Amino acid sequence: MSGHSKWATIKHQKGAKDAKRGKLFAKLARQIEVAARAGGGDPGSNATLRTAILKAKAGQMTNEAIDRAVKRGSGADDGGNYEAITYEGYAPGGVAMMVDTLTDNRNRTGANVRIIFNKLGGSMAEPGAVGWQFSRKGVIHIDGAVDEDELMMAALDAGADDISRDGDDWRVLSAPNIVYDLQTALEAAGIAVKSAESTMVSSIDVEVTDVGDAKKILRIMDALEDDDDVQDVFSNFDISDELMEMAGE
């Protein structure tokens, strides 16, 4: 399973503590606010906002909190002035990382990201150094026990681009803006969805076999995602379940 998807699954299985959940909601609200400010507060005519709202709902954010974020972004309430910046870097073992941020102070955010990489054994990269291998996709994971023909028929009918094995799961790829609609369609067809997200997928996977490198990679992921300005972290590491368990100890 690809690095980001595997990391997301591990965090979900661990369960979110209240502090972590609060931080997640703050980040989701910021994404909604920025989308509303850029394209207006109507999700029917603002596809980016609609995707951000669906992502927030998938993260169990309340409708009231979503509405407040939309109002801040569309000017009904005062909100911050954020800009989107993506940083690129390397973790141990030659693993590539993309760090999406929304910030009101690019100097602070850039310095914080650099400190995390340098302190934990990674390094920053020049823009474009690793970004060329990533593309934004909708990714849905389905239990591998689901019948392939049944899944393929339902997924392709709902607009999916591709279905493949990913470890013990099925991985369904789609355009990023329809991933949550696709999730709804699959669930309506009686197919349980393990996870759904709009994410960055790398065309190159880097297999990690050293437990020391695996631990450093996961520490960098955790530290970056703990930063208030960081919205998402994407990576191309491929770590076996056994090594992942050892690294998490």
C-alpha atoms as a PDB file:
ATOM      1  CA  MET A   1       0.000   0.000   0.000  1.00  0.00           C
ATOM      2  CA  SER A   2       1.335   3.453  -0.875  1.00  0.00           C
ATOM      3  CA  GLY A   3       2.885   5.513   1.893  1.00  0.00           C
ATOM      4  CA  HIS A   4       0.269   8.196   2.387  1.00  0.00           C
ATOM      5  CA  SER A   5      -2.640   5.765   2.251  1.00  0.00           C
ATOM      6  CA  LYS A   6      -0.962   3.381   4.669  1.00  0.00           C
ATOM      7  CA  TRP A   7      -0.153   6.247   7.045  1.00  0.00           C
ATOM      8  CA  ALA A   8      -3.761   7.461   6.880  1.00  0.00           C
ATOM      9  CA  THR A   9      -5.020   3.962   7.656  1.00  0.00           C
ATOM     10  CA  ILE A  10      -2.721   3.647  10.680  1.00  0.00           C
ATOM     11  CA  LYS A  11      -3.880   6.971  12.105  1.00  0.00           C
ATOM     12  CA  HIS A  12      -7.510   5.954  11.613  1.00  0.00           C
ATOM     13  CA  GLN A  13      -6.938   2.631  13.381  1.00  0.00           C
ATOM     14  CA  LYS A  14      -5.229   4.338  16.315  1.00  0.00           C
ATOM     15  CA  GLY A  15      -8.255   6.548  16.789  1.00  0.00           C
ATOM     16  CA  ALA A  16      -8.235  10.320  17.101  1.00  0.00           C
ATOM     17  CA  LYS A  17      -7.738  11.963  20.473  1.00  0.00           C
ATOM     18  CA  ASP A  18      -9.752  15.094  21.191  1.00  0.00           C
ATOM     19  CA  ALA A  19      -6.752  17.393  20.694  1.00  0.00           C
ATOM     20  CA  LYS A  20      -5.868  15.778  17.378  1.00  0.00           C
ATOM     21  CA  ARG A  21      -9.481  15.910  16.227  1.00  0.00           C
ATOM     22  CA  GLY A  22      -9.694  19.585  17.146  1.00  0.00           C
ATOM     23  CA  LYS A  23      -6.569  20.305  15.122  1.00  0.00           C
ATOM     24  CA  LEU A  24      -7.986  18.361  12.166  1.00  0.00           C
ATOM     25  CA  PHE A  25     -11.210  20.361  12.282  1.00  0.00           C
ATOM     26  CA  ALA A  26      -9.245  23.620  12.349  1.00  0.00           C
ATOM     27  CA  LYS A  27      -7.356  22.557   9.228  1.00  0.00           C
ATOM     28  CA  LEU A  28     -10.522  21.472   7.440  1.00  0.00           C
ATOM     29  CA  ALA A  29     -12.167  24.788   8.320  1.00  0.00           C
ATOM     30  CA  ARG A  30      -9.196  26.664   6.887  1.00  0.00           C
ATOM     31  CA  GLN A  31      -9.460  24.736   3.612  1.00  0.00           C
ATOM     32  CA  ILE A  32     -13.165  25.584   3.357  1.00  0.00           C
ATOM     33  CA  GLU A  33     -12.507  29.231   4.165  1.00  0.00           C
ATOM     34  CA  VAL A  34      -9.818  29.577   1.489  1.00  0.00           C
ATOM     35  CA  ALA A  35     -11.956  27.800  -1.117  1.00  0.00           C
ATOM     36  CA  ALA A  36     -14.937  30.063  -0.377  1.00  0.00           C
ATOM     37  CA  ARG A  37     -12.794  33.192  -0.559  1.00  0.00           C
ATOM     38  CA  ALA A  38     -11.325  32.150  -3.920  1.00  0.00           C
ATOM     39  CA  GLY A  39     -14.490  30.978  -5.658  1.00  0.00           C
ATOM     40  CA  GLY A  40     -17.494  32.145  -3.653  1.00  0.00           C
ATOM     41  CA  GLY A  41     -19.615  30.565  -0.962  1.00  0.00           C
ATOM     42  CA  ASP A  42     -21.913  28.498  -3.195  1.00  0.00           C
ATOM     43  CA  PRO A  43     -20.668  24.877  -3.407  1.00  0.00           C
ATOM     44  CA  GLY A  44     -22.939  24.352  -6.413  1.00  0.00           C
ATOM     45  CA  SER A  45     -20.804  26.706  -8.510  1.00  0.00           C
ATOM     46  CA  ASN A  46     -17.511  26.299  -6.632  1.00  0.00           C
ATOM     47  CA  ALA A  47     -16.158  22.784  -7.166  1.00  0.00           C
ATOM     48  CA  THR A  48     -13.172  23.330  -4.873  1.00  0.00           C
ATOM     49  CA  LEU A  49     -15.438  24.408  -2.040  1.00  0.00           C
ATOM     50  CA  ARG A  50     -17.747  21.473  -2.627  1.00  0.00           C
ATOM     51  CA  THR A  51     -14.834  19.040  -2.397  1.00  0.00           C
ATOM     52  CA  ALA A  52     -13.575  20.729   0.785  1.00  0.00           C
ATOM     53  CA  ILE A  53     -17.024  20.485   2.368  1.00  0.00           C
ATOM     54  CA  LEU A  54     -17.372  16.805   1.465  1.00  0.00           C
ATOM     55  CA  LYS A  55     -13.901  16.147   2.892  1.00  0.00           C
ATOM     56  CA  ALA A  56     -14.915  17.909   6.105  1.00  0.00           C
ATOM     57  CA  LYS A  57     -18.103  15.880   6.371  1.00  0.00           C
ATOM     58  CA  ALA A  58     -16.121  12.682   5.812  1.00  0.00           C
ATOM     59  CA  GLY A  59     -13.958  13.807   8.748  1.00  0.00           C
ATOM     60  CA  GLN A  60     -17.125  14.162  10.879  1.00  0.00           C
ATOM     61  CA  MET A  61     -17.022  17.947  11.042  1.00  0.00           C
ATOM     62  CA  THR A  62     -20.415  19.384  12.012  1.00  0.00           C
ATOM     63  CA  ASN A  63     -22.626  21.283   9.570  1.00  0.00           C
ATOM     64  CA  GLU A  64     -22.566  24.303  11.869  1.00  0.00           C
ATOM     65  CA  ALA A  65     -18.766  24.438  11.841  1.00  0.00           C
ATOM     66  CA  ILE A  66     -18.750  24.036   8.060  1.00  0.00           C
ATOM     67  CA  ASP A  67     -21.258  26.874   7.637  1.00  0.00           C
ATOM     68  CA  ARG A  68     -19.163  29.166   9.844  1.00  0.00           C
ATOM     69  CA  ALA A  69     -16.067  28.473   7.738  1.00  0.00           C
ATOM     70  CA  VAL A  70     -17.962  29.186   4.520  1.00  0.00           C
ATOM     71  CA  LYS A  71     -19.226  32.488   5.934  1.00  0.00           C
ATOM     72  CA  ARG A  72     -15.722  33.535   6.978  1.00  0.00           C
ATOM     73  CA  GLY A  73     -14.374  32.760   3.548  1.00  0.00           C
ATOM     74  CA  SER A  74     -17.186  34.478   1.656  1.00  0.00           C
ATOM     75  CA  GLY A  75     -16.882  37.659   3.729  1.00  0.00           C
ATOM     76  CA  ALA A  76     -19.904  37.248   5.994  1.00  0.00           C
ATOM     77  CA  ASP A  77     -17.549  36.961   8.966  1.00  0.00           C
ATOM     78  CA  ASP A  78     -13.987  38.133   9.482  1.00  0.00           C
ATOM     79  CA  GLY A  79     -11.409  35.484   8.604  1.00  0.00           C
ATOM     80  CA  GLY A  80      -7.695  35.184   8.079  1.00  0.00           C
ATOM     81  CA  ASN A  81      -5.874  35.850   4.827  1.00  0.00           C
ATOM     82  CA  TYR A  82      -4.215  32.565   3.872  1.00  0.00           C
ATOM     83  CA  GLU A  83      -2.127  31.491   0.906  1.00  0.00           C
ATOM     84  CA  ALA A  84      -1.411  27.963  -0.305  1.00  0.00           C
ATOM     85  CA  ILE A  85       2.247  26.918  -0.458  1.00  0.00           C
ATOM     86  CA  THR A  86       3.606  23.459  -1.239  1.00  0.00           C
ATOM     87  CA  TYR A  87       7.027  22.429   0.038  1.00  0.00           C
ATOM     88  CA  GLU A  88       9.048  19.487  -1.263  1.00  0.00           C
ATOM     89  CA  GLY A  89      11.577  17.366   0.551  1.00  0.00           C
ATOM     90  CA  TYR A  90      13.268  14.052   1.113  1.00  0.00           C
ATOM     91  CA  ALA A  91      13.057  11.666   4.041  1.00  0.00           C
ATOM     92  CA  PRO A  92      15.697   8.985   4.762  1.00  0.00           C
ATOM     93  CA  GLY A  93      16.046   6.282   2.127  1.00  0.00           C
ATOM     94  CA  GLY A  94      15.401   8.673  -0.754  1.00  0.00           C
ATOM     95  CA  VAL A  95      11.690   8.909   0.052  1.00  0.00           C
ATOM     96  CA  ALA A  96       9.978  11.911  -1.571  1.00  0.00           C
ATOM     97  CA  MET A  97       7.537  14.125   0.311  1.00  0.00           C
ATOM     98  CA  MET A  98       5.095  16.866  -0.684  1.00  0.00           C
ATOM     99  CA  VAL A  99       3.830  19.173   2.069  1.00  0.00           C
ATOM    100  CA  ASP A 100       0.674  21.218   1.387  1.00  0.00           C
ATOM    101  CA  THR A 101       0.234  24.248   3.653  1.00  0.00           C
ATOM    102  CA  LEU A 102      -2.188  27.132   4.130  1.00  0.00           C
ATOM    103  CA  THR A 103      -0.518  29.996   5.929  1.00  0.00           C
ATOM    104  CA  ASP A 104      -0.846  33.654   6.842  1.00  0.00           C
ATOM    105  CA  ASN A 105       2.928  33.886   7.378  1.00  0.00           C
ATOM    106  CA  ARG A 106       5.066  32.117   4.775  1.00  0.00           C
ATOM    107  CA  ASN A 107       8.322  32.872   6.634  1.00  0.00           C
ATOM    108  CA  ARG A 108       7.086  31.112   9.773  1.00  0.00           C
ATOM    109  CA  THR A 109       5.703  28.136   7.882  1.00  0.00           C
ATOM    110  CA  GLY A 110       8.746  27.663   5.665  1.00  0.00           C
ATOM    111  CA  ALA A 111      11.072  27.827   8.659  1.00  0.00           C
ATOM    112  CA  ASN A 112       8.984  25.314  10.621  1.00  0.00           C
ATOM    113  CA  VAL A 113       8.885  22.824   7.755  1.00  0.00           C
ATOM    114  CA  ARG A 114      12.642  23.130   7.219  1.00  0.00           C
ATOM    115  CA  ILE A 115      13.357  22.603  10.921  1.00  0.00           C
ATOM    116  CA  ILE A 116      11.258  19.425  10.971  1.00  0.00           C
ATOM    117  CA  PHE A 117      13.062  17.953   7.971  1.00  0.00           C
ATOM    118  CA  ASN A 118      16.532  18.866   9.217  1.00  0.00           C
ATOM    119  CA  LYS A 119      15.926  17.826  12.827  1.00  0.00           C
ATOM    120  CA  LEU A 120      14.505  14.404  11.954  1.00  0.00           C
ATOM    121  CA  GLY A 121      16.953  13.279   9.277  1.00  0.00           C
ATOM    122  CA  GLY A 122      15.378  14.629   6.113  1.00  0.00           C
ATOM    123  CA  SER A 123      16.106  17.588   3.854  1.00  0.00           C
ATOM    124  CA  MET A 124      14.216  20.224   1.898  1.00  0.00           C
ATOM    125  CA  ALA A 125      14.225  20.056  -1.899  1.00  0.00           C
ATOM    126  CA  GLU A 126      13.975  22.692  -4.613  1.00  0.00           C
ATOM    127  CA  PRO A 127      10.506  23.271  -6.126  1.00  0.00           C
ATOM    128  CA  GLY A 128       9.813  20.644  -8.763  1.00  0.00           C
ATOM    129  CA  ALA A 129      12.512  18.258  -7.549  1.00  0.00           C
ATOM    130  CA  VAL A 130       9.966  15.666  -6.412  1.00  0.00           C
ATOM    131  CA  GLY A 131       6.679  17.253  -7.445  1.00  0.00           C
ATOM    132  CA  TRP A 132       6.926  15.988 -11.041  1.00  0.00           C
ATOM    133  CA  GLN A 133       6.165  12.427  -9.932  1.00  0.00           C
ATOM    134  CA  PHE A 134       2.965  13.287  -8.023  1.00  0.00           C
ATOM    135  CA  SER A 135      -0.525  13.830  -9.450  1.00  0.00           C
ATOM    136  CA  ARG A 136      -3.760  14.544  -7.597  1.00  0.00           C
ATOM    137  CA  LYS A 137      -6.203  11.633  -7.552  1.00  0.00           C
ATOM    138  CA  GLY A 138      -9.225  10.435  -5.690  1.00  0.00           C
ATOM    139  CA  VAL A 139      -8.316   7.224  -3.839  1.00  0.00           C
ATOM    140  CA  ILE A 140     -10.794   4.818  -2.271  1.00  0.00           C
ATOM    141  CA  HIS A 141      -9.863   1.621  -0.434  1.00  0.00           C
ATOM    142  CA  ILE A 142     -12.216  -1.342  -0.379  1.00  0.00           C
ATOM    143  CA  ASP A 143     -11.848  -4.620   1.512  1.00  0.00           C
ATOM    144  CA  GLY A 144     -10.113  -7.167  -0.685  1.00  0.00           C
ATOM    145  CA  ALA A 145     -12.829  -9.750  -0.058  1.00  0.00           C
ATOM    146  CA  VAL A 146     -15.300  -7.772  -2.207  1.00  0.00           C
ATOM    147  CA  ASP A 147     -16.053  -9.450  -5.541  1.00  0.00           C
ATOM    148  CA  GLU A 148     -13.937  -7.892  -8.302  1.00  0.00           C
ATOM    149  CA  ASP A 149     -16.647  -7.916 -10.973  1.00  0.00           C
ATOM    150  CA  GLU A 150     -19.204  -6.397  -8.606  1.00  0.00           C
ATOM    151  CA  LEU A 151     -16.783  -3.663  -7.556  1.00  0.00           C
ATOM    152  CA  MET A 152     -15.662  -2.942 -11.096  1.00  0.00           C
ATOM    153  CA  MET A 153     -19.216  -2.583 -12.403  1.00  0.00           C
ATOM    154  CA  ALA A 154     -20.289  -0.259  -9.588  1.00  0.00           C
ATOM    155  CA  ALA A 155     -17.092   1.813  -9.624  1.00  0.00           C
ATOM    156  CA  LEU A 156     -16.836   2.308 -13.382  1.00  0.00           C
ATOM    157  CA  ASP A 157     -20.521   3.173 -13.635  1.00  0.00           C
ATOM    158  CA  ALA A 158     -19.920   5.893 -11.016  1.00  0.00           C
ATOM    159  CA  GLY A 159     -16.958   7.411 -12.879  1.00  0.00           C
ATOM    160  CA  ALA A 160     -13.903   5.608 -11.492  1.00  0.00           C
ATOM    161  CA  ASP A 161     -10.747   5.571 -13.623  1.00  0.00           C
ATOM    162  CA  ASP A 162      -9.055   2.399 -12.430  1.00  0.00           C
ATOM    163  CA  ILE A 163      -9.300  -0.511  -9.978  1.00  0.00           C
ATOM    164  CA  SER A 164      -6.279  -2.449  -8.735  1.00  0.00           C
ATOM    165  CA  ARG A 165      -4.963  -4.499  -5.843  1.00  0.00           C
ATOM    166  CA  ASP A 166      -3.199  -2.588  -3.075  1.00  0.00           C
ATOM    167  CA  GLY A 167      -1.945  -5.045  -0.485  1.00  0.00           C
ATOM    168  CA  ASP A 168      -4.989  -6.874   0.878  1.00  0.00           C
ATOM    169  CA  ASP A 169      -7.350  -4.143  -0.348  1.00  0.00           C
ATOM    170  CA  TRP A 170      -8.823  -2.946  -3.601  1.00  0.00           C
ATOM    171  CA  ARG A 171      -7.743   0.550  -4.606  1.00  0.00           C
ATOM    172  CA  VAL A 172     -10.145   2.590  -6.721  1.00  0.00           C
ATOM    173  CA  LEU A 173      -8.764   5.687  -8.480  1.00  0.00           C
ATOM    174  CA  SER A 174     -10.826   8.601  -9.753  1.00  0.00           C
ATOM    175  CA  ALA A 175     -10.644  12.292 -10.544  1.00  0.00           C
ATOM    176  CA  PRO A 176     -10.120  14.096  -7.201  1.00  0.00           C
ATOM    177  CA  ASN A 177     -13.296  16.179  -7.461  1.00  0.00           C
ATOM    178  CA  ILE A 178     -15.624  13.148  -7.603  1.00  0.00           C
ATOM    179  CA  VAL A 179     -14.056  10.905  -4.962  1.00  0.00           C
ATOM    180  CA  TYR A 180     -16.724  11.545  -2.319  1.00  0.00           C
ATOM    181  CA  ASP A 181     -19.552  11.197  -4.855  1.00  0.00           C
ATOM    182  CA  LEU A 182     -17.944   7.908  -5.877  1.00  0.00           C
ATOM    183  CA  GLN A 183     -17.833   6.820  -2.238  1.00  0.00           C
ATOM    184  CA  THR A 184     -21.554   7.548  -1.901  1.00  0.00           C
ATOM    185  CA  ALA A 185     -22.324   5.576  -5.070  1.00  0.00           C
ATOM    186  CA  LEU A 186     -20.319   2.559  -3.910  1.00  0.00           C
ATOM    187  CA  GLU A 187     -21.984   2.557  -0.497  1.00  0.00           C
ATOM    188  CA  ALA A 188     -25.396   2.837  -2.168  1.00  0.00           C
ATOM    189  CA  ALA A 189     -24.452  -0.292  -4.144  1.00  0.00           C
ATOM    190  CA  GLY A 190     -23.805  -2.137  -0.878  1.00  0.00           C
ATOM    191  CA  ILE A 191     -20.005  -1.913  -1.020  1.00  0.00           C
ATOM    192  CA  ALA A 192     -18.391  -0.805   2.252  1.00  0.00           C
ATOM    193  CA  VAL A 193     -15.666   1.841   1.893  1.00  0.00           C
ATOM    194  CA  LYS A 194     -12.657   1.635   4.237  1.00  0.00           C
ATOM    195  CA  SER A 195     -11.301   5.081   3.341  1.00  0.00           C
ATOM    196  CA  ALA A 196     -11.761   7.810   0.741  1.00  0.00           C
ATOM    197  CA  GLU A 197      -9.608  10.868   0.121  1.00  0.00           C
ATOM    198  CA  SER A 198      -8.452  13.385  -2.435  1.00  0.00           C
ATOM    199  CA  THR A 199      -4.711  12.898  -2.347  1.00  0.00           C
ATOM    200  CA  MET A 200      -1.453  13.045  -4.288  1.00  0.00           C
ATOM    201  CA  VAL A 201      -0.333   9.761  -5.836  1.00  0.00           C
ATOM    202  CA  SER A 202       3.259   9.162  -6.881  1.00  0.00           C
ATOM    203  CA  SER A 203       4.219   7.352 -10.064  1.00  0.00           C
ATOM    204  CA  ILE A 204       7.278   5.958  -8.252  1.00  0.00           C
ATOM    205  CA  ASP A 205       7.221   3.926  -5.026  1.00  0.00           C
ATOM    206  CA  VAL A 206      10.339   3.698  -2.866  1.00  0.00           C
ATOM    207  CA  GLU A 207      10.577   0.452  -0.918  1.00  0.00           C
ATOM    208  CA  VAL A 208      11.838   0.938   2.627  1.00  0.00           C
ATOM    209  CA  THR A 209      13.483  -2.114   4.224  1.00  0.00           C
ATOM    210  CA  ASP A 210      15.465  -0.577   7.110  1.00  0.00           C
ATOM    211  CA  VAL A 211      13.559  -0.189  10.378  1.00  0.00           C
ATOM    212  CA  GLY A 212      15.644   2.849  11.342  1.00  0.00           C
ATOM    213  CA  ASP A 213      14.704   4.648   8.132  1.00  0.00           C
ATOM    214  CA  ALA A 214      11.064   3.616   8.604  1.00  0.00           C
ATOM    215  CA  LYS A 215      10.988   5.134  12.094  1.00  0.00           C
ATOM    216  CA  LYS A 216      12.501   8.402  10.849  1.00  0.00           C
ATOM    217  CA  ILE A 217      10.031   8.611   7.955  1.00  0.00           C
ATOM    218  CA  LEU A 218       7.049   8.142  10.265  1.00  0.00           C
ATOM    219  CA  ARG A 219       8.427  10.703  12.728  1.00  0.00           C
ATOM    220  CA  ILE A 220       8.737  13.265   9.936  1.00  0.00           C
ATOM    221  CA  MET A 221       5.185  12.531   8.755  1.00  0.00           C
ATOM    222  CA  ASP A 222       3.849  12.869  12.287  1.00  0.00           C
ATOM    223  CA  ALA A 223       5.749  16.085  13.044  1.00  0.00           C
ATOM    224  CA  LEU A 224       4.706  17.749   9.787  1.00  0.00           C
ATOM    225  CA  GLU A 225       1.048  16.855  10.215  1.00  0.00           C
ATOM    226  CA  ASP A 226       1.157  18.174  13.783  1.00  0.00           C
ATOM    227  CA  ASP A 227       2.059  21.650  12.485  1.00  0.00           C
ATOM    228  CA  ASP A 228      -0.975  23.963  12.422  1.00  0.00           C
ATOM    229  CA  ASP A 229      -0.165  25.329   8.950  1.00  0.00           C
ATOM    230  CA  VAL A 230       0.320  21.930   7.304  1.00  0.00           C
ATOM    231  CA  GLN A 231      -2.819  20.636   5.611  1.00  0.00           C
ATOM    232  CA  ASP A 232      -1.577  17.392   4.035  1.00  0.00           C
ATOM    233  CA  VAL A 233       1.627  15.410   3.670  1.00  0.00           C
ATOM    234  CA  PHE A 234       2.089  13.078   0.703  1.00  0.00           C
ATOM    235  CA  SER A 235       4.869  10.550   0.276  1.00  0.00           C
ATOM    236  CA  ASN A 236       5.955   7.679  -1.955  1.00  0.00           C
ATOM    237  CA  PHE A 237       7.293   5.238   0.647  1.00  0.00           C
ATOM    238  CA  ASP A 238       6.321   1.576   0.527  1.00  0.00           C
ATOM    239  CA  ILE A 239       6.788  -0.115   3.889  1.00  0.00           C
ATOM    240  CA  SER A 240       5.651  -3.678   4.583  1.00  0.00           C
ATOM    241  CA  ASP A 241       3.051  -4.241   7.298  1.00  0.00           C
ATOM    242  CA  GLU A 242       5.623  -6.099   9.389  1.00  0.00           C
ATOM    243  CA  LEU A 243       8.187  -3.294   9.180  1.00  0.00           C
ATOM    244  CA  MET A 244       5.498  -0.677   9.774  1.00  0.00           C
ATOM    245  CA  GLU A 245       4.517  -2.448  12.987  1.00  0.00           C
ATOM    246  CA  MET A 246       8.151  -2.599  14.127  1.00  0.00           C
ATOM    247  CA  ALA A 247       8.669   1.085  13.313  1.00  0.00           C
ATOM    248  CA  GLY A 248       5.608   2.095  15.284  1.00  0.00           C
ATOM    249  CA  GLU A 249       6.745   0.416  18.484  1.00  0.00           C
END
